């Protein structure tokens, strides 16, 4: 029995990416792909796939192509997201559309999407091909639906918490859940375990995204890796803002909050400070922490049902614990 730790798995993922994402012609198409992948990140999705697989089987090298497929797809979405959001920087580096141009971001992103399907099918056992590709395709479409809802919310002031949770389920959670599910499918897990792992991934994905909301307001910039308050500056409809609008309704605090949301000319630090002050007055920090804790607990309850020895569960459980408890 071989149980891989996360450091070993990350090393495998990085090495395999290095063999697949390389400089080739035409350079104008492939150099931006290499650049985007080399920006790094947590490699969260391929890590979850390998950890899900290792619950049942030991030879994680046999599904590295599928793991890189999910990472390539995720990075494709970032290329197009950055273009749609007109984001200049990602991970402290210029985004692809800023470094090259908008057409390059579209075309190189399209190529990444196609490559992700190629990697997902590569060496996939025939008996699992249909189930794997169906899971991957559904997740890919769900992400597009989530992105559309996110864009729709930019034009609305009446977004509810339930609508927001559904949006982040589609945009964030489903790809994490699909990573675990595909790992379990390829590992030969039972149908019950496959679906339970997917549901576990959904719950943890919700907790993970809500924590990102929280850290954007209350995190330590040196630990979080980016400036605090970005969501506030762009009036992003997060759990934090939606809940604040609900809790201040009909009060002077609502007027103040709406003033900052409608202001086109402001000093960024002043807006962040004013909105955070409103959040503090109506208990938004504790509300968000409670919501994170709720989804985390629900996820753990599901994980307990997985029919695998505890010793094999430990790496995945520890990895998720680290993700959910970063800088809270």
C-alpha atoms as a PDB file:
ATOM      1  CA  UNK A   1       0.000   0.000   0.000  1.00  0.00           C
ATOM      2  CA  UNK A   2       1.468   3.337  -1.095  1.00  0.00           C
ATOM      3  CA  UNK A   3      -0.031   6.505   0.372  1.00  0.00           C
ATOM      4  CA  UNK A   4       1.376   9.616  -1.278  1.00  0.00           C
ATOM      5  CA  UNK A   5       1.827  12.885   0.598  1.00  0.00           C
ATOM      6  CA  UNK A   6       0.941  16.228  -0.930  1.00  0.00           C
ATOM      7  CA  UNK A   7       4.554  17.298  -1.466  1.00  0.00           C
ATOM      8  CA  UNK A   8       5.228  14.173  -3.509  1.00  0.00           C
ATOM      9  CA  UNK A   9       2.048  14.636  -5.525  1.00  0.00           C
ATOM     10  CA  UNK A  10       2.773  18.286  -6.236  1.00  0.00           C
ATOM     11  CA  UNK A  11       6.228  17.365  -7.467  1.00  0.00           C
ATOM     12  CA  UNK A  12       4.702  14.794  -9.827  1.00  0.00           C
ATOM     13  CA  UNK A  13       2.151  17.309 -11.122  1.00  0.00           C
ATOM     14  CA  UNK A  14       4.767  19.982 -11.762  1.00  0.00           C
ATOM     15  CA  UNK A  15       7.109  17.557 -13.493  1.00  0.00           C
ATOM     16  CA  UNK A  16       4.361  16.224 -15.749  1.00  0.00           C
ATOM     17  CA  UNK A  17       3.192  19.725 -16.644  1.00  0.00           C
ATOM     18  CA  UNK A  18       6.798  20.434 -17.628  1.00  0.00           C
ATOM     19  CA  UNK A  19       6.748  17.542 -20.086  1.00  0.00           C
ATOM     20  CA  UNK A  20       3.415  18.501 -21.657  1.00  0.00           C
ATOM     21  CA  UNK A  21       3.272  22.309 -21.724  1.00  0.00           C
ATOM     22  CA  UNK A  22       6.320  23.242 -23.764  1.00  0.00           C
ATOM     23  CA  UNK A  23       7.551  25.793 -26.301  1.00  0.00           C
ATOM     24  CA  UNK A  24       6.412  24.869 -29.793  1.00  0.00           C
ATOM     25  CA  UNK A  25       5.242  26.467 -33.023  1.00  0.00           C
ATOM     26  CA  UNK A  26       3.352  28.582 -33.695  1.00  0.00           C
ATOM     27  CA  UNK A  27       4.920  30.451 -30.775  1.00  0.00           C
ATOM     28  CA  UNK A  28       2.190  33.086 -30.816  1.00  0.00           C
ATOM     29  CA  UNK A  29      -0.320  30.404 -29.829  1.00  0.00           C
ATOM     30  CA  UNK A  30       1.711  28.273 -27.434  1.00  0.00           C
ATOM     31  CA  UNK A  31       3.958  30.764 -25.618  1.00  0.00           C
ATOM     32  CA  UNK A  32       0.982  32.399 -23.882  1.00  0.00           C
ATOM     33  CA  UNK A  33      -0.180  28.940 -22.745  1.00  0.00           C
ATOM     34  CA  UNK A  34       3.236  28.156 -21.300  1.00  0.00           C
ATOM     35  CA  UNK A  35       3.280  31.587 -19.650  1.00  0.00           C
ATOM     36  CA  UNK A  36      -0.177  31.133 -18.109  1.00  0.00           C
ATOM     37  CA  UNK A  37       0.573  27.676 -16.721  1.00  0.00           C
ATOM     38  CA  UNK A  38       3.976  28.791 -15.402  1.00  0.00           C
ATOM     39  CA  UNK A  39       2.354  31.520 -13.281  1.00  0.00           C
ATOM     40  CA  UNK A  40       1.836  28.755 -10.750  1.00  0.00           C
ATOM     41  CA  UNK A  41      -0.995  28.560  -8.257  1.00  0.00           C
ATOM     42  CA  UNK A  42      -1.892  25.864  -5.754  1.00  0.00           C
ATOM     43  CA  UNK A  43      -2.499  23.126  -8.375  1.00  0.00           C
ATOM     44  CA  UNK A  44      -5.533  22.472  -6.192  1.00  0.00           C
ATOM     45  CA  UNK A  45      -7.638  20.615  -8.741  1.00  0.00           C
ATOM     46  CA  UNK A  46      -5.028  18.111  -9.954  1.00  0.00           C
ATOM     47  CA  UNK A  47      -4.002  17.573  -6.333  1.00  0.00           C
ATOM     48  CA  UNK A  48      -7.573  16.691  -5.387  1.00  0.00           C
ATOM     49  CA  UNK A  49      -7.817  14.301  -8.331  1.00  0.00           C
ATOM     50  CA  UNK A  50      -4.669  12.439  -7.331  1.00  0.00           C
ATOM     51  CA  UNK A  51      -5.693  12.355  -3.666  1.00  0.00           C
ATOM     52  CA  UNK A  52      -9.128  11.046  -4.645  1.00  0.00           C
ATOM     53  CA  UNK A  53      -7.508   8.352  -6.780  1.00  0.00           C
ATOM     54  CA  UNK A  54      -5.049   7.392  -4.030  1.00  0.00           C
ATOM     55  CA  UNK A  55      -7.949   6.569  -1.734  1.00  0.00           C
ATOM     56  CA  UNK A  56      -8.370   3.447  -3.873  1.00  0.00           C
ATOM     57  CA  UNK A  57      -5.222   2.857  -5.912  1.00  0.00           C
ATOM     58  CA  UNK A  58      -1.505   3.514  -5.573  1.00  0.00           C
ATOM     59  CA  UNK A  59      -0.232   4.128  -9.126  1.00  0.00           C
ATOM     60  CA  UNK A  60      -0.999   7.859  -9.300  1.00  0.00           C
ATOM     61  CA  UNK A  61       1.365   8.273 -12.263  1.00  0.00           C
ATOM     62  CA  UNK A  62      -1.207   6.513 -14.433  1.00  0.00           C
ATOM     63  CA  UNK A  63      -3.669   9.434 -14.179  1.00  0.00           C
ATOM     64  CA  UNK A  64      -1.263  12.387 -14.428  1.00  0.00           C
ATOM     65  CA  UNK A  65      -2.670  13.182 -17.868  1.00  0.00           C
ATOM     66  CA  UNK A  66      -6.157  13.564 -16.398  1.00  0.00           C
ATOM     67  CA  UNK A  67      -4.781  15.649 -13.529  1.00  0.00           C
ATOM     68  CA  UNK A  68      -3.045  18.013 -15.963  1.00  0.00           C
ATOM     69  CA  UNK A  69      -6.262  18.134 -18.009  1.00  0.00           C
ATOM     70  CA  UNK A  70      -8.187  19.601 -15.096  1.00  0.00           C
ATOM     71  CA  UNK A  71      -5.406  22.130 -14.419  1.00  0.00           C
ATOM     72  CA  UNK A  72      -5.245  23.133 -18.074  1.00  0.00           C
ATOM     73  CA  UNK A  73      -8.995  23.646 -18.142  1.00  0.00           C
ATOM     74  CA  UNK A  74      -8.874  25.741 -14.963  1.00  0.00           C
ATOM     75  CA  UNK A  75      -6.154  27.961 -16.403  1.00  0.00           C
ATOM     76  CA  UNK A  76      -8.113  28.324 -19.639  1.00  0.00           C
ATOM     77  CA  UNK A  77     -10.989  29.784 -17.608  1.00  0.00           C
ATOM     78  CA  UNK A  78      -8.576  32.254 -15.996  1.00  0.00           C
ATOM     79  CA  UNK A  79      -7.388  33.510 -19.411  1.00  0.00           C
ATOM     80  CA  UNK A  80     -10.940  34.262 -20.470  1.00  0.00           C
ATOM     81  CA  UNK A  81     -12.006  35.538 -17.022  1.00  0.00           C
ATOM     82  CA  UNK A  82      -9.140  38.041 -17.022  1.00  0.00           C
ATOM     83  CA  UNK A  83     -10.179  39.252 -20.452  1.00  0.00           C
ATOM     84  CA  UNK A  84     -13.841  39.606 -19.471  1.00  0.00           C
ATOM     85  CA  UNK A  85     -12.918  41.344 -16.206  1.00  0.00           C
ATOM     86  CA  UNK A  86     -10.246  43.495 -17.891  1.00  0.00           C
ATOM     87  CA  UNK A  87      -7.857  42.352 -15.148  1.00  0.00           C
ATOM     88  CA  UNK A  88      -4.313  43.623 -15.634  1.00  0.00           C
ATOM     89  CA  UNK A  89      -2.515  41.360 -13.160  1.00  0.00           C
ATOM     90  CA  UNK A  90      -2.732  37.752 -12.007  1.00  0.00           C
ATOM     91  CA  UNK A  91      -0.363  36.357  -9.382  1.00  0.00           C
ATOM     92  CA  UNK A  92       1.613  39.596  -9.542  1.00  0.00           C
ATOM     93  CA  UNK A  93       2.298  39.190 -13.268  1.00  0.00           C
ATOM     94  CA  UNK A  94       0.617  40.761 -16.319  1.00  0.00           C
ATOM     95  CA  UNK A  95      -2.364  38.785 -17.557  1.00  0.00           C
ATOM     96  CA  UNK A  96      -2.123  37.163 -20.988  1.00  0.00           C
ATOM     97  CA  UNK A  97      -4.322  39.728 -22.704  1.00  0.00           C
ATOM     98  CA  UNK A  98      -2.200  42.562 -21.269  1.00  0.00           C
ATOM     99  CA  UNK A  99       1.134  40.920 -22.089  1.00  0.00           C
ATOM    100  CA  UNK A 100       0.012  40.030 -25.613  1.00  0.00           C
ATOM    101  CA  UNK A 101      -3.467  41.178 -26.703  1.00  0.00           C
ATOM    102  CA  UNK A 102      -7.137  40.261 -26.508  1.00  0.00           C
ATOM    103  CA  UNK A 103      -7.125  38.062 -29.613  1.00  0.00           C
ATOM    104  CA  UNK A 104      -4.230  36.047 -28.208  1.00  0.00           C
ATOM    105  CA  UNK A 105      -6.070  35.498 -24.918  1.00  0.00           C
ATOM    106  CA  UNK A 106      -9.106  34.215 -26.827  1.00  0.00           C
ATOM    107  CA  UNK A 107      -7.224  31.920 -29.210  1.00  0.00           C
ATOM    108  CA  UNK A 108      -4.676  30.565 -26.706  1.00  0.00           C
ATOM    109  CA  UNK A 109      -7.522  30.030 -24.250  1.00  0.00           C
ATOM    110  CA  UNK A 110      -9.437  28.088 -26.885  1.00  0.00           C
ATOM    111  CA  UNK A 111      -6.362  25.932 -27.506  1.00  0.00           C
ATOM    112  CA  UNK A 112      -6.084  25.249 -23.770  1.00  0.00           C
ATOM    113  CA  UNK A 113      -9.699  24.119 -23.681  1.00  0.00           C
ATOM    114  CA  UNK A 114      -9.082  21.720 -26.563  1.00  0.00           C
ATOM    115  CA  UNK A 115      -5.852  20.448 -24.986  1.00  0.00           C
ATOM    116  CA  UNK A 116      -7.680  19.812 -21.714  1.00  0.00           C
ATOM    117  CA  UNK A 117     -10.023  17.405 -23.509  1.00  0.00           C
ATOM    118  CA  UNK A 118      -7.072  15.752 -25.230  1.00  0.00           C
ATOM    119  CA  UNK A 119      -5.277  15.230 -21.902  1.00  0.00           C
ATOM    120  CA  UNK A 120      -8.455  13.949 -20.224  1.00  0.00           C
ATOM    121  CA  UNK A 121      -8.920  11.258 -22.882  1.00  0.00           C
ATOM    122  CA  UNK A 122      -5.223  10.340 -23.103  1.00  0.00           C
ATOM    123  CA  UNK A 123      -4.632   6.821 -21.698  1.00  0.00           C
ATOM    124  CA  UNK A 124      -8.049   6.857 -20.040  1.00  0.00           C
ATOM    125  CA  UNK A 125      -9.149   3.232 -19.537  1.00  0.00           C
ATOM    126  CA  UNK A 126     -11.943   2.470 -22.033  1.00  0.00           C
ATOM    127  CA  UNK A 127     -14.265   1.199 -19.314  1.00  0.00           C
ATOM    128  CA  UNK A 128     -14.141   4.613 -17.606  1.00  0.00           C
ATOM    129  CA  UNK A 129     -13.976   6.870 -20.663  1.00  0.00           C
ATOM    130  CA  UNK A 130     -17.686   7.701 -20.917  1.00  0.00           C
ATOM    131  CA  UNK A 131     -18.106   8.391 -17.206  1.00  0.00           C
ATOM    132  CA  UNK A 132     -14.933  10.488 -17.003  1.00  0.00           C
ATOM    133  CA  UNK A 133     -15.723  12.593 -20.060  1.00  0.00           C
ATOM    134  CA  UNK A 134     -19.341  13.068 -19.024  1.00  0.00           C
ATOM    135  CA  UNK A 135     -18.237  14.281 -15.575  1.00  0.00           C
ATOM    136  CA  UNK A 136     -15.640  16.603 -17.062  1.00  0.00           C
ATOM    137  CA  UNK A 137     -17.961  18.031 -19.721  1.00  0.00           C
ATOM    138  CA  UNK A 138     -20.742  18.701 -17.227  1.00  0.00           C
ATOM    139  CA  UNK A 139     -18.327  20.477 -14.892  1.00  0.00           C
ATOM    140  CA  UNK A 140     -16.953  22.568 -17.765  1.00  0.00           C
ATOM    141  CA  UNK A 141     -20.440  23.691 -18.759  1.00  0.00           C
ATOM    142  CA  UNK A 142     -21.401  24.359 -15.131  1.00  0.00           C
ATOM    143  CA  UNK A 143     -18.413  26.702 -14.812  1.00  0.00           C
ATOM    144  CA  UNK A 144     -19.666  28.669 -17.838  1.00  0.00           C
ATOM    145  CA  UNK A 145     -23.112  28.929 -16.262  1.00  0.00           C
ATOM    146  CA  UNK A 146     -21.576  30.154 -13.026  1.00  0.00           C
ATOM    147  CA  UNK A 147     -19.552  32.790 -14.860  1.00  0.00           C
ATOM    148  CA  UNK A 148     -22.706  34.044 -16.587  1.00  0.00           C
ATOM    149  CA  UNK A 149     -24.525  34.356 -13.266  1.00  0.00           C
ATOM    150  CA  UNK A 150     -21.522  36.218 -11.846  1.00  0.00           C
ATOM    151  CA  UNK A 151     -21.676  38.699 -14.736  1.00  0.00           C
ATOM    152  CA  UNK A 152     -25.452  39.029 -14.378  1.00  0.00           C
ATOM    153  CA  UNK A 153     -25.059  39.876 -10.694  1.00  0.00           C
ATOM    154  CA  UNK A 154     -22.893  42.879 -11.576  1.00  0.00           C
ATOM    155  CA  UNK A 155     -26.015  44.622 -12.890  1.00  0.00           C
ATOM    156  CA  UNK A 156     -28.269  43.704  -9.954  1.00  0.00           C
ATOM    157  CA  UNK A 157     -28.616  45.033  -6.419  1.00  0.00           C
ATOM    158  CA  UNK A 158     -31.125  42.423  -5.262  1.00  0.00           C
ATOM    159  CA  UNK A 159     -28.953  39.298  -5.399  1.00  0.00           C
ATOM    160  CA  UNK A 160     -29.856  36.891  -2.582  1.00  0.00           C
ATOM    161  CA  UNK A 161     -27.523  34.705  -0.540  1.00  0.00           C
ATOM    162  CA  UNK A 162     -29.103  31.596  -2.062  1.00  0.00           C
ATOM    163  CA  UNK A 163     -28.450  32.900  -5.574  1.00  0.00           C
ATOM    164  CA  UNK A 164     -24.863  33.682  -4.656  1.00  0.00           C
ATOM    165  CA  UNK A 165     -24.295  30.221  -3.177  1.00  0.00           C
ATOM    166  CA  UNK A 166     -25.642  28.644  -6.374  1.00  0.00           C
ATOM    167  CA  UNK A 167     -23.346  30.842  -8.458  1.00  0.00           C
ATOM    168  CA  UNK A 168     -20.200  29.852  -6.542  1.00  0.00           C
ATOM    169  CA  UNK A 169     -21.318  26.218  -6.559  1.00  0.00           C
ATOM    170  CA  UNK A 170     -21.265  26.357 -10.347  1.00  0.00           C
ATOM    171  CA  UNK A 171     -18.262  28.607 -10.830  1.00  0.00           C
ATOM    172  CA  UNK A 172     -15.950  27.147  -8.162  1.00  0.00           C
ATOM    173  CA  UNK A 173     -17.244  24.047  -6.393  1.00  0.00           C
ATOM    174  CA  UNK A 174     -18.162  21.822  -9.328  1.00  0.00           C
ATOM    175  CA  UNK A 175     -14.632  21.702 -10.744  1.00  0.00           C
ATOM    176  CA  UNK A 176     -13.194  20.780  -7.337  1.00  0.00           C
ATOM    177  CA  UNK A 177     -15.902  18.140  -6.918  1.00  0.00           C
ATOM    178  CA  UNK A 178     -15.348  16.818 -10.442  1.00  0.00           C
ATOM    179  CA  UNK A 179     -11.618  16.510  -9.747  1.00  0.00           C
ATOM    180  CA  UNK A 180     -12.332  14.245  -6.796  1.00  0.00           C
ATOM    181  CA  UNK A 181     -15.011  12.350  -8.690  1.00  0.00           C
ATOM    182  CA  UNK A 182     -12.814  11.638 -11.702  1.00  0.00           C
ATOM    183  CA  UNK A 183     -10.030  10.477  -9.381  1.00  0.00           C
ATOM    184  CA  UNK A 184     -12.468   8.120  -7.662  1.00  0.00           C
ATOM    185  CA  UNK A 185     -13.875   6.836 -10.980  1.00  0.00           C
ATOM    186  CA  UNK A 186     -10.396   6.038 -12.268  1.00  0.00           C
ATOM    187  CA  UNK A 187      -9.550   4.489  -8.912  1.00  0.00           C
ATOM    188  CA  UNK A 188     -12.385   2.005  -9.292  1.00  0.00           C
ATOM    189  CA  UNK A 189     -14.430   3.328  -6.378  1.00  0.00           C
ATOM    190  CA  UNK A 190     -17.991   2.205  -5.740  1.00  0.00           C
ATOM    191  CA  UNK A 191     -20.835   4.286  -7.155  1.00  0.00           C
ATOM    192  CA  UNK A 192     -21.777   5.359  -3.634  1.00  0.00           C
ATOM    193  CA  UNK A 193     -18.251   6.567  -2.845  1.00  0.00           C
ATOM    194  CA  UNK A 194     -17.976   8.370  -6.188  1.00  0.00           C
ATOM    195  CA  UNK A 195     -21.118  10.409  -5.566  1.00  0.00           C
ATOM    196  CA  UNK A 196     -20.305  11.031  -1.904  1.00  0.00           C
ATOM    197  CA  UNK A 197     -16.856  12.320  -2.818  1.00  0.00           C
ATOM    198  CA  UNK A 198     -18.452  14.636  -5.377  1.00  0.00           C
ATOM    199  CA  UNK A 199     -20.856  15.993  -2.759  1.00  0.00           C
ATOM    200  CA  UNK A 200     -17.945  16.370  -0.323  1.00  0.00           C
ATOM    201  CA  UNK A 201     -16.113  18.411  -2.963  1.00  0.00           C
ATOM    202  CA  UNK A 202     -19.141  20.658  -3.446  1.00  0.00           C
ATOM    203  CA  UNK A 203     -19.333  21.450   0.272  1.00  0.00           C
ATOM    204  CA  UNK A 204     -15.605  22.083   0.551  1.00  0.00           C
ATOM    205  CA  UNK A 205     -15.663  24.228  -2.577  1.00  0.00           C
ATOM    206  CA  UNK A 206     -18.371  26.424  -1.064  1.00  0.00           C
ATOM    207  CA  UNK A 207     -16.380  26.763   2.144  1.00  0.00           C
ATOM    208  CA  UNK A 208     -13.232  27.534   0.132  1.00  0.00           C
ATOM    209  CA  UNK A 209     -14.870  30.305  -1.922  1.00  0.00           C
ATOM    210  CA  UNK A 210     -16.599  31.845   1.094  1.00  0.00           C
ATOM    211  CA  UNK A 211     -13.235  31.900   2.797  1.00  0.00           C
ATOM    212  CA  UNK A 212     -11.798  33.772  -0.178  1.00  0.00           C
ATOM    213  CA  UNK A 213     -14.589  36.327   0.309  1.00  0.00           C
ATOM    214  CA  UNK A 214     -13.673  36.592   3.963  1.00  0.00           C
ATOM    215  CA  UNK A 215      -9.938  36.891   3.383  1.00  0.00           C
ATOM    216  CA  UNK A 216     -10.432  39.621   0.776  1.00  0.00           C
ATOM    217  CA  UNK A 217     -11.823  41.753   3.597  1.00  0.00           C
ATOM    218  CA  UNK A 218     -10.226  40.449   6.777  1.00  0.00           C
ATOM    219  CA  UNK A 219      -7.142  38.565   5.610  1.00  0.00           C
ATOM    220  CA  UNK A 220      -3.501  39.410   6.158  1.00  0.00           C
ATOM    221  CA  UNK A 221      -2.115  40.603   2.793  1.00  0.00           C
ATOM    222  CA  UNK A 222       1.275  39.021   3.506  1.00  0.00           C
ATOM    223  CA  UNK A 223      -0.405  35.627   3.957  1.00  0.00           C
ATOM    224  CA  UNK A 224      -3.266  35.974   1.477  1.00  0.00           C
ATOM    225  CA  UNK A 225      -0.954  36.878  -1.397  1.00  0.00           C
ATOM    226  CA  UNK A 226      -2.844  39.895  -2.696  1.00  0.00           C
ATOM    227  CA  UNK A 227      -4.140  43.265  -1.610  1.00  0.00           C
ATOM    228  CA  UNK A 228      -7.132  43.360   0.672  1.00  0.00           C
ATOM    229  CA  UNK A 229     -10.420  44.974  -0.371  1.00  0.00           C
ATOM    230  CA  UNK A 230     -10.493  44.237  -4.085  1.00  0.00           C
ATOM    231  CA  UNK A 231     -14.046  42.891  -3.924  1.00  0.00           C
ATOM    232  CA  UNK A 232     -15.162  46.018  -2.071  1.00  0.00           C
ATOM    233  CA  UNK A 233     -13.606  48.367  -4.617  1.00  0.00           C
ATOM    234  CA  UNK A 234     -15.413  46.720  -7.540  1.00  0.00           C
ATOM    235  CA  UNK A 235     -18.725  46.234  -5.659  1.00  0.00           C
ATOM    236  CA  UNK A 236     -18.546  42.482  -6.190  1.00  0.00           C
ATOM    237  CA  UNK A 237     -21.692  40.730  -5.001  1.00  0.00           C
ATOM    238  CA  UNK A 238     -20.102  38.453  -2.424  1.00  0.00           C
ATOM    239  CA  UNK A 239     -21.701  36.751   0.568  1.00  0.00           C
ATOM    240  CA  UNK A 240     -20.270  39.581   2.660  1.00  0.00           C
ATOM    241  CA  UNK A 241     -21.876  42.416   0.678  1.00  0.00           C
ATOM    242  CA  UNK A 242     -25.193  40.647   0.114  1.00  0.00           C
ATOM    243  CA  UNK A 243     -25.538  39.892   3.827  1.00  0.00           C
ATOM    244  CA  UNK A 244     -24.574  43.454   4.749  1.00  0.00           C
ATOM    245  CA  UNK A 245     -27.257  44.830   2.427  1.00  0.00           C
ATOM    246  CA  UNK A 246     -29.818  42.516   4.037  1.00  0.00           C
ATOM    247  CA  UNK A 247     -28.816  43.409   7.608  1.00  0.00           C
ATOM    248  CA  UNK A 248     -28.700  47.171   7.064  1.00  0.00           C
ATOM    249  CA  UNK A 249     -31.983  47.411   5.148  1.00  0.00           C
ATOM    250  CA  UNK A 250     -33.989  50.481   6.180  1.00  0.00           C
ATOM    251  CA  UNK A 251     -31.239  51.948   8.363  1.00  0.00           C
ATOM    252  CA  UNK A 252     -28.758  54.791   8.097  1.00  0.00           C
ATOM    253  CA  UNK A 253     -26.060  52.202   7.546  1.00  0.00           C
ATOM    254  CA  UNK A 254     -27.859  51.104   4.382  1.00  0.00           C
ATOM    255  CA  UNK A 255     -27.744  54.681   3.064  1.00  0.00           C
ATOM    256  CA  UNK A 256     -24.028  54.861   3.813  1.00  0.00           C
ATOM    257  CA  UNK A 257     -23.361  51.508   2.178  1.00  0.00           C
ATOM    258  CA  UNK A 258     -25.368  52.442  -0.925  1.00  0.00           C
ATOM    259  CA  UNK A 259     -23.468  55.737  -1.107  1.00  0.00           C
ATOM    260  CA  UNK A 260     -20.170  53.884  -1.390  1.00  0.00           C
ATOM    261  CA  UNK A 261     -21.621  51.379  -3.861  1.00  0.00           C
ATOM    262  CA  UNK A 262     -22.814  54.194  -6.149  1.00  0.00           C
ATOM    263  CA  UNK A 263     -19.769  56.452  -5.836  1.00  0.00           C
ATOM    264  CA  UNK A 264     -17.677  56.697  -8.978  1.00  0.00           C
ATOM    265  CA  UNK A 265     -15.044  59.015  -7.500  1.00  0.00           C
ATOM    266  CA  UNK A 266     -13.451  57.858  -4.250  1.00  0.00           C
ATOM    267  CA  UNK A 267     -10.164  57.209  -2.494  1.00  0.00           C
ATOM    268  CA  UNK A 268      -9.776  53.409  -2.458  1.00  0.00           C
ATOM    269  CA  UNK A 269      -8.507  53.238   1.118  1.00  0.00           C
ATOM    270  CA  UNK A 270     -11.418  55.363   2.334  1.00  0.00           C
ATOM    271  CA  UNK A 271     -14.023  53.189   0.621  1.00  0.00           C
ATOM    272  CA  UNK A 272     -12.494  49.976   1.969  1.00  0.00           C
ATOM    273  CA  UNK A 273     -12.303  51.392   5.489  1.00  0.00           C
ATOM    274  CA  UNK A 274     -15.886  52.708   5.402  1.00  0.00           C
ATOM    275  CA  UNK A 275     -17.398  49.479   4.066  1.00  0.00           C
ATOM    276  CA  UNK A 276     -15.429  47.295   6.487  1.00  0.00           C
ATOM    277  CA  UNK A 277     -16.648  49.514   9.315  1.00  0.00           C
ATOM    278  CA  UNK A 278     -20.236  48.837   8.247  1.00  0.00           C
ATOM    279  CA  UNK A 279     -19.486  45.117   8.036  1.00  0.00           C
ATOM    280  CA  UNK A 280     -18.105  45.216  11.566  1.00  0.00           C
ATOM    281  CA  UNK A 281     -21.183  46.973  12.924  1.00  0.00           C
ATOM    282  CA  UNK A 282     -23.579  44.327  11.596  1.00  0.00           C
ATOM    283  CA  UNK A 283     -21.456  41.247  12.346  1.00  0.00           C
ATOM    284  CA  UNK A 284     -20.501  40.229   8.823  1.00  0.00           C
ATOM    285  CA  UNK A 285     -17.187  38.632   9.815  1.00  0.00           C
ATOM    286  CA  UNK A 286     -18.776  36.200  12.275  1.00  0.00           C
ATOM    287  CA  UNK A 287     -21.650  35.488   9.875  1.00  0.00           C
ATOM    288  CA  UNK A 288     -19.210  34.519   7.132  1.00  0.00           C
ATOM    289  CA  UNK A 289     -17.103  32.395   9.492  1.00  0.00           C
ATOM    290  CA  UNK A 290     -20.262  30.595  10.611  1.00  0.00           C
ATOM    291  CA  UNK A 291     -21.227  29.925   6.994  1.00  0.00           C
ATOM    292  CA  UNK A 292     -17.758  28.559   6.233  1.00  0.00           C
ATOM    293  CA  UNK A 293     -17.946  26.344   9.323  1.00  0.00           C
ATOM    294  CA  UNK A 294     -21.370  25.051   8.313  1.00  0.00           C
ATOM    295  CA  UNK A 295     -20.248  23.862   4.878  1.00  0.00           C
ATOM    296  CA  UNK A 296     -16.994  22.465   6.274  1.00  0.00           C
ATOM    297  CA  UNK A 297     -18.898  20.423   8.882  1.00  0.00           C
ATOM    298  CA  UNK A 298     -21.352  19.156   6.277  1.00  0.00           C
ATOM    299  CA  UNK A 299     -18.436  18.128   4.086  1.00  0.00           C
ATOM    300  CA  UNK A 300     -16.726  16.247   6.899  1.00  0.00           C
ATOM    301  CA  UNK A 301     -19.948  14.377   7.663  1.00  0.00           C
ATOM    302  CA  UNK A 302     -20.034  13.229   4.043  1.00  0.00           C
ATOM    303  CA  UNK A 303     -16.357  12.279   4.090  1.00  0.00           C
ATOM    304  CA  UNK A 304     -16.983  10.003   7.079  1.00  0.00           C
ATOM    305  CA  UNK A 305     -19.246   7.911   4.841  1.00  0.00           C
ATOM    306  CA  UNK A 306     -16.479   7.084   2.360  1.00  0.00           C
ATOM    307  CA  UNK A 307     -15.800   3.344   2.586  1.00  0.00           C
ATOM    308  CA  UNK A 308     -12.021   3.585   2.854  1.00  0.00           C
ATOM    309  CA  UNK A 309      -9.642   2.950   5.755  1.00  0.00           C
ATOM    310  CA  UNK A 310      -8.925   6.061   7.810  1.00  0.00           C
ATOM    311  CA  UNK A 311      -5.187   5.824   7.114  1.00  0.00           C
ATOM    312  CA  UNK A 312      -5.855   6.238   3.373  1.00  0.00           C
ATOM    313  CA  UNK A 313      -8.182   9.173   4.030  1.00  0.00           C
ATOM    314  CA  UNK A 314      -5.645  11.109   6.062  1.00  0.00           C
ATOM    315  CA  UNK A 315      -3.715  12.885   3.244  1.00  0.00           C
ATOM    316  CA  UNK A 316      -6.904  14.205   1.612  1.00  0.00           C
ATOM    317  CA  UNK A 317      -8.414  15.190   4.953  1.00  0.00           C
ATOM    318  CA  UNK A 318      -5.232  17.015   6.004  1.00  0.00           C
ATOM    319  CA  UNK A 319      -4.982  18.786   2.652  1.00  0.00           C
ATOM    320  CA  UNK A 320      -8.554  20.054   2.824  1.00  0.00           C
ATOM    321  CA  UNK A 321      -8.075  21.116   6.457  1.00  0.00           C
ATOM    322  CA  UNK A 322      -5.057  23.202   5.431  1.00  0.00           C
ATOM    323  CA  UNK A 323      -7.006  24.880   2.630  1.00  0.00           C
ATOM    324  CA  UNK A 324     -10.042  25.709   4.730  1.00  0.00           C
ATOM    325  CA  UNK A 325      -8.077  26.990   7.704  1.00  0.00           C
ATOM    326  CA  UNK A 326      -5.654  29.295   5.924  1.00  0.00           C
ATOM    327  CA  UNK A 327      -5.454  32.635   7.712  1.00  0.00           C
ATOM    328  CA  UNK A 328      -8.922  32.544   9.297  1.00  0.00           C
END
